[in-house]
């Protein structure tokens, strides 16, 4: 079984300001749950997930996905959490070069 890519989550009280220490996220499912948990509470205006090269792979501002383009569609699927999670998982695998 191949090693799963790690991502790193950050929460920003204000976009592009200071951020919380990095949280290690093991795979796209954890990245999705992290953004949903921290991006929807109202405590953080921006939630960002990066890959091992410090490139942004997911960004949420004011509770809405702004990056990647494919995840913006999840802003309209909030009523169906399972479907949104599956779509996020598939899109992240594609963007991360997985199969």
N, C-alpha and C. Protein backbone atom coordinates (compact mmCIF):
# COMPACT_ATOMS: atom_id res chain seq x y z
N UNK A 1 0.85 -1.18 0.00
CA UNK A 1 0.00 0.00 0.00
C UNK A 1 0.89 1.24 0.00
N UNK A 2 0.60 2.21 -0.87
CA UNK A 2 1.41 3.42 -0.99
C UNK A 2 1.21 4.36 0.18
N UNK A 3 2.21 5.19 0.37
CA UNK A 3 2.14 6.17 1.45
C UNK A 3 1.21 7.31 1.05
N UNK A 4 0.35 7.72 1.96
CA UNK A 4 -0.60 8.79 1.69
C UNK A 4 0.08 10.15 1.84
N UNK A 5 -0.25 11.06 0.92
CA UNK A 5 0.34 12.40 0.98
C UNK A 5 -0.13 13.13 2.22
N UNK A 6 0.77 13.90 2.79
CA UNK A 6 0.44 14.72 3.96
C UNK A 6 0.20 16.14 3.52
N UNK A 7 -0.76 16.76 4.20
CA UNK A 7 -1.08 18.15 3.98
C UNK A 7 -0.92 18.87 5.31
N UNK A 8 -0.92 20.21 5.27
CA UNK A 8 -0.72 21.00 6.49
C UNK A 8 -1.78 22.10 6.54
N UNK A 9 -2.51 22.15 7.65
CA UNK A 9 -3.60 23.10 7.80
C UNK A 9 -3.21 24.28 8.67
N UNK A 10 -3.70 25.46 8.26
CA UNK A 10 -3.45 26.70 8.99
C UNK A 10 -4.76 27.48 9.10
N UNK A 11 -4.96 28.13 10.23
CA UNK A 11 -6.14 28.98 10.43
C UNK A 11 -5.69 30.42 10.66
N UNK A 12 -6.36 31.34 9.99
CA UNK A 12 -6.03 32.77 10.06
C UNK A 12 -7.23 33.53 10.60
N UNK A 13 -7.08 34.25 11.72
CA UNK A 13 -8.19 35.08 12.19
C UNK A 13 -8.57 36.14 11.15
N UNK A 14 -7.57 36.67 10.45
CA UNK A 14 -7.78 37.62 9.35
C UNK A 14 -6.98 37.10 8.15
N UNK A 15 -7.54 37.16 6.94
CA UNK A 15 -6.81 36.66 5.78
C UNK A 15 -5.42 37.31 5.66
N UNK A 16 -4.43 36.47 5.38
CA UNK A 16 -3.03 36.88 5.19
C UNK A 16 -2.39 37.51 6.41
N UNK A 17 -2.98 37.36 7.59
CA UNK A 17 -2.37 37.84 8.82
C UNK A 17 -1.59 36.71 9.48
N UNK A 18 -1.50 36.73 10.79
CA UNK A 18 -0.82 35.65 11.51
C UNK A 18 -1.69 34.40 11.43
N UNK A 19 -1.09 33.26 11.64
CA UNK A 19 -1.84 32.00 11.58
C UNK A 19 -1.46 31.08 12.73
N UNK A 20 -2.31 30.13 12.96
CA UNK A 20 -2.06 29.12 13.98
C UNK A 20 -0.91 28.22 13.52
N UNK A 21 -0.29 27.50 14.44
CA UNK A 21 0.75 26.54 14.02
C UNK A 21 0.15 25.48 13.09
N UNK A 22 0.99 24.91 12.25
CA UNK A 22 0.55 23.91 11.28
C UNK A 22 0.00 22.67 11.97
N UNK A 23 -1.06 22.12 11.38
CA UNK A 23 -1.63 20.85 11.80
C UNK A 23 -1.40 19.88 10.65
N UNK A 24 -0.84 18.70 10.94
CA UNK A 24 -0.61 17.70 9.90
C UNK A 24 -1.90 16.97 9.59
N UNK A 25 -2.22 16.90 8.30
CA UNK A 25 -3.45 16.25 7.83
C UNK A 25 -3.05 15.09 6.92
N UNK A 26 -3.55 13.91 7.23
CA UNK A 26 -3.19 12.71 6.49
C UNK A 26 -4.23 12.42 5.41
N UNK A 27 -4.06 13.03 4.26
CA UNK A 27 -4.91 12.75 3.12
C UNK A 27 -6.02 13.77 2.91
N UNK A 28 -6.69 13.63 1.77
CA UNK A 28 -7.73 14.59 1.39
C UNK A 28 -8.95 14.59 2.31
N UNK A 29 -9.31 13.45 2.86
CA UNK A 29 -10.48 13.39 3.76
C UNK A 29 -10.23 14.26 5.00
N UNK A 30 -9.04 14.17 5.57
CA UNK A 30 -8.72 15.00 6.73
C UNK A 30 -8.65 16.48 6.35
N UNK A 31 -8.13 16.77 5.16
CA UNK A 31 -8.08 18.17 4.70
C UNK A 31 -9.50 18.73 4.58
N UNK A 32 -10.41 17.93 4.04
CA UNK A 32 -11.80 18.36 3.91
C UNK A 32 -12.42 18.59 5.28
N UNK A 33 -12.26 17.64 6.19
CA UNK A 33 -12.84 17.78 7.54
C UNK A 33 -12.26 19.00 8.26
N UNK A 34 -10.96 19.23 8.11
CA UNK A 34 -10.30 20.37 8.76
C UNK A 34 -10.90 21.68 8.26
N UNK A 35 -11.07 21.82 6.94
CA UNK A 35 -11.62 23.07 6.42
C UNK A 35 -13.07 23.24 6.84
N UNK A 36 -13.83 22.15 6.85
CA UNK A 36 -15.22 22.25 7.28
C UNK A 36 -15.33 22.64 8.75
N UNK A 37 -14.51 22.03 9.58
CA UNK A 37 -14.56 22.30 11.01
C UNK A 37 -14.13 23.72 11.33
N UNK A 38 -13.01 24.14 10.81
CA UNK A 38 -12.46 25.44 11.19
C UNK A 38 -12.95 26.59 10.33
N UNK A 39 -13.36 26.30 9.11
CA UNK A 39 -13.82 27.36 8.22
C UNK A 39 -15.25 27.78 8.45
N UNK A 40 -16.04 26.93 9.11
CA UNK A 40 -17.46 27.22 9.31
C UNK A 40 -17.79 27.75 10.70
N UNK A 41 -16.81 27.79 11.61
CA UNK A 41 -17.10 28.20 12.99
C UNK A 41 -17.25 29.70 13.16
N UNK A 42 -16.64 30.48 12.25
CA UNK A 42 -16.65 31.92 12.40
C UNK A 42 -15.47 32.44 13.21
N UNK A 43 -14.70 31.54 13.82
CA UNK A 43 -13.53 31.97 14.59
C UNK A 43 -12.39 32.40 13.67
N UNK A 44 -12.30 31.78 12.51
CA UNK A 44 -11.21 32.06 11.57
C UNK A 44 -11.79 32.50 10.25
N UNK A 45 -11.31 33.61 9.73
CA UNK A 45 -11.81 34.11 8.45
C UNK A 45 -11.23 33.32 7.28
N UNK A 46 -10.00 32.82 7.46
CA UNK A 46 -9.38 32.05 6.38
C UNK A 46 -8.82 30.75 6.93
N UNK A 47 -9.00 29.68 6.17
CA UNK A 47 -8.41 28.39 6.46
C UNK A 47 -7.67 27.97 5.20
N UNK A 48 -6.42 27.56 5.37
CA UNK A 48 -5.59 27.21 4.22
C UNK A 48 -4.95 25.85 4.47
N UNK A 49 -4.89 25.03 3.43
CA UNK A 49 -4.22 23.73 3.49
C UNK A 49 -3.15 23.74 2.41
N UNK A 50 -1.93 23.36 2.81
CA UNK A 50 -0.82 23.31 1.86
C UNK A 50 -0.31 21.88 1.73
N UNK A 51 0.47 21.66 0.66
CA UNK A 51 1.12 20.35 0.50
C UNK A 51 2.52 20.42 1.08
N UNK A 52 3.30 19.36 0.90
CA UNK A 52 4.64 19.29 1.46
C UNK A 52 5.58 20.35 0.91
N UNK A 53 5.28 20.89 -0.28
CA UNK A 53 6.10 21.94 -0.87
C UNK A 53 5.64 23.33 -0.51
N UNK A 54 4.70 23.44 0.43
CA UNK A 54 4.13 24.70 0.91
C UNK A 54 3.29 25.41 -0.16
N UNK A 55 2.76 24.64 -1.11
CA UNK A 55 1.84 25.20 -2.10
C UNK A 55 0.41 25.05 -1.59
N UNK A 56 -0.38 26.09 -1.74
CA UNK A 56 -1.77 26.03 -1.30
C UNK A 56 -2.55 25.05 -2.17
N UNK A 57 -3.22 24.09 -1.52
CA UNK A 57 -4.06 23.14 -2.24
C UNK A 57 -5.54 23.37 -1.96
N UNK A 58 -5.86 23.97 -0.81
CA UNK A 58 -7.24 24.32 -0.48
C UNK A 58 -7.22 25.63 0.29
N UNK A 59 -8.17 26.52 -0.05
CA UNK A 59 -8.31 27.78 0.68
C UNK A 59 -9.80 28.05 0.86
N UNK A 60 -10.13 28.45 2.08
CA UNK A 60 -11.51 28.82 2.41
C UNK A 60 -11.46 30.19 3.08
N UNK A 61 -12.27 31.12 2.58
CA UNK A 61 -12.36 32.45 3.20
C UNK A 61 -13.82 32.71 3.52
N UNK A 62 -14.07 33.13 4.76
CA UNK A 62 -15.44 33.41 5.23
C UNK A 62 -16.39 32.25 4.96
N UNK A 63 -15.89 31.02 5.21
CA UNK A 63 -16.73 29.84 5.10
C UNK A 63 -17.00 29.35 3.69
N UNK A 64 -16.35 29.93 2.69
CA UNK A 64 -16.54 29.53 1.29
C UNK A 64 -15.21 29.13 0.69
N UNK A 65 -15.22 28.03 -0.06
CA UNK A 65 -14.00 27.61 -0.75
C UNK A 65 -13.68 28.59 -1.87
N UNK A 66 -12.42 29.02 -1.94
CA UNK A 66 -11.97 29.91 -3.00
C UNK A 66 -10.93 29.23 -3.89
N UNK A 67 -10.35 28.14 -3.41
CA UNK A 67 -9.34 27.40 -4.15
C UNK A 67 -9.34 25.96 -3.67
N UNK A 68 -9.20 24.97 -4.51
CA UNK A 68 -9.08 25.03 -5.96
C UNK A 68 -10.43 25.30 -6.61
N UNK A 69 -10.39 25.60 -7.87
CA UNK A 69 -11.62 25.91 -8.61
C UNK A 69 -12.65 24.80 -8.45
N UNK A 70 -12.20 23.54 -8.48
CA UNK A 70 -13.13 22.41 -8.38
C UNK A 70 -13.86 22.37 -7.05
N UNK A 71 -13.23 22.87 -5.99
CA UNK A 71 -13.87 22.83 -4.67
C UNK A 71 -14.90 23.93 -4.50
N UNK A 72 -14.89 24.94 -5.35
CA UNK A 72 -15.89 26.01 -5.24
C UNK A 72 -17.29 25.45 -5.38
N UNK A 73 -17.45 24.38 -6.16
CA UNK A 73 -18.76 23.77 -6.32
C UNK A 73 -19.29 23.22 -5.00
N UNK A 74 -18.39 22.92 -4.06
CA UNK A 74 -18.82 22.41 -2.75
C UNK A 74 -19.55 23.47 -1.95
N UNK A 75 -19.35 24.75 -2.27
CA UNK A 75 -20.09 25.82 -1.59
C UNK A 75 -21.58 25.67 -1.81
N UNK A 76 -21.97 25.05 -2.93
CA UNK A 76 -23.38 24.87 -3.26
C UNK A 76 -23.92 23.53 -2.80
N UNK A 77 -23.08 22.65 -2.27
CA UNK A 77 -23.49 21.30 -1.86
C UNK A 77 -23.54 21.12 -0.36
N UNK A 78 -23.59 22.18 0.38
CA UNK A 78 -23.51 22.08 1.84
C UNK A 78 -24.57 21.19 2.45
N UNK A 79 -25.70 21.04 1.81
CA UNK A 79 -26.77 20.22 2.36
C UNK A 79 -26.48 18.74 2.32
N UNK A 80 -25.57 18.29 1.46
CA UNK A 80 -25.28 16.88 1.34
C UNK A 80 -23.82 16.65 1.68
N UNK A 81 -23.52 16.49 2.96
CA UNK A 81 -22.15 16.38 3.44
C UNK A 81 -21.38 15.21 2.86
N UNK A 82 -22.01 14.03 2.74
CA UNK A 82 -21.32 12.86 2.21
C UNK A 82 -20.92 13.07 0.76
N UNK A 83 -21.84 13.58 -0.05
CA UNK A 83 -21.55 13.83 -1.46
C UNK A 83 -20.43 14.85 -1.60
N UNK A 84 -20.46 15.90 -0.80
CA UNK A 84 -19.43 16.93 -0.86
C UNK A 84 -18.08 16.35 -0.45
N UNK A 85 -18.04 15.52 0.59
CA UNK A 85 -16.79 14.91 1.03
C UNK A 85 -16.21 14.02 -0.07
N UNK A 86 -17.05 13.22 -0.71
CA UNK A 86 -16.58 12.35 -1.79
C UNK A 86 -16.03 13.16 -2.95
N UNK A 87 -16.69 14.23 -3.32
CA UNK A 87 -16.23 15.09 -4.41
C UNK A 87 -14.89 15.73 -4.03
N UNK A 88 -14.78 16.20 -2.79
CA UNK A 88 -13.54 16.82 -2.34
C UNK A 88 -12.40 15.81 -2.36
N UNK A 89 -12.68 14.59 -1.90
CA UNK A 89 -11.68 13.55 -1.88
C UNK A 89 -11.17 13.26 -3.29
N UNK A 90 -12.07 13.11 -4.24
CA UNK A 90 -11.68 12.81 -5.62
C UNK A 90 -10.90 13.97 -6.24
N UNK A 91 -11.35 15.19 -6.04
CA UNK A 91 -10.67 16.35 -6.63
C UNK A 91 -9.27 16.51 -6.05
N UNK A 92 -9.11 16.27 -4.74
CA UNK A 92 -7.80 16.41 -4.13
C UNK A 92 -6.85 15.35 -4.66
N UNK A 93 -7.34 14.12 -4.84
CA UNK A 93 -6.48 13.08 -5.40
C UNK A 93 -6.00 13.47 -6.79
N UNK A 94 -6.89 14.02 -7.57
CA UNK A 94 -6.52 14.44 -8.93
C UNK A 94 -5.51 15.56 -8.87
N UNK A 95 -5.76 16.57 -8.05
CA UNK A 95 -4.86 17.73 -7.97
C UNK A 95 -3.51 17.36 -7.36
N UNK A 96 -3.49 16.33 -6.50
CA UNK A 96 -2.25 15.92 -5.86
C UNK A 96 -1.49 14.89 -6.70
N UNK A 97 -2.06 14.52 -7.84
CA UNK A 97 -1.39 13.58 -8.72
C UNK A 97 -1.64 12.13 -8.35
N UNK A 98 -2.64 11.86 -7.50
CA UNK A 98 -2.95 10.49 -7.11
C UNK A 98 -3.85 9.82 -8.12
N UNK A 99 -4.19 8.57 -7.85
CA UNK A 99 -5.08 7.86 -8.78
C UNK A 99 -6.44 7.62 -8.17
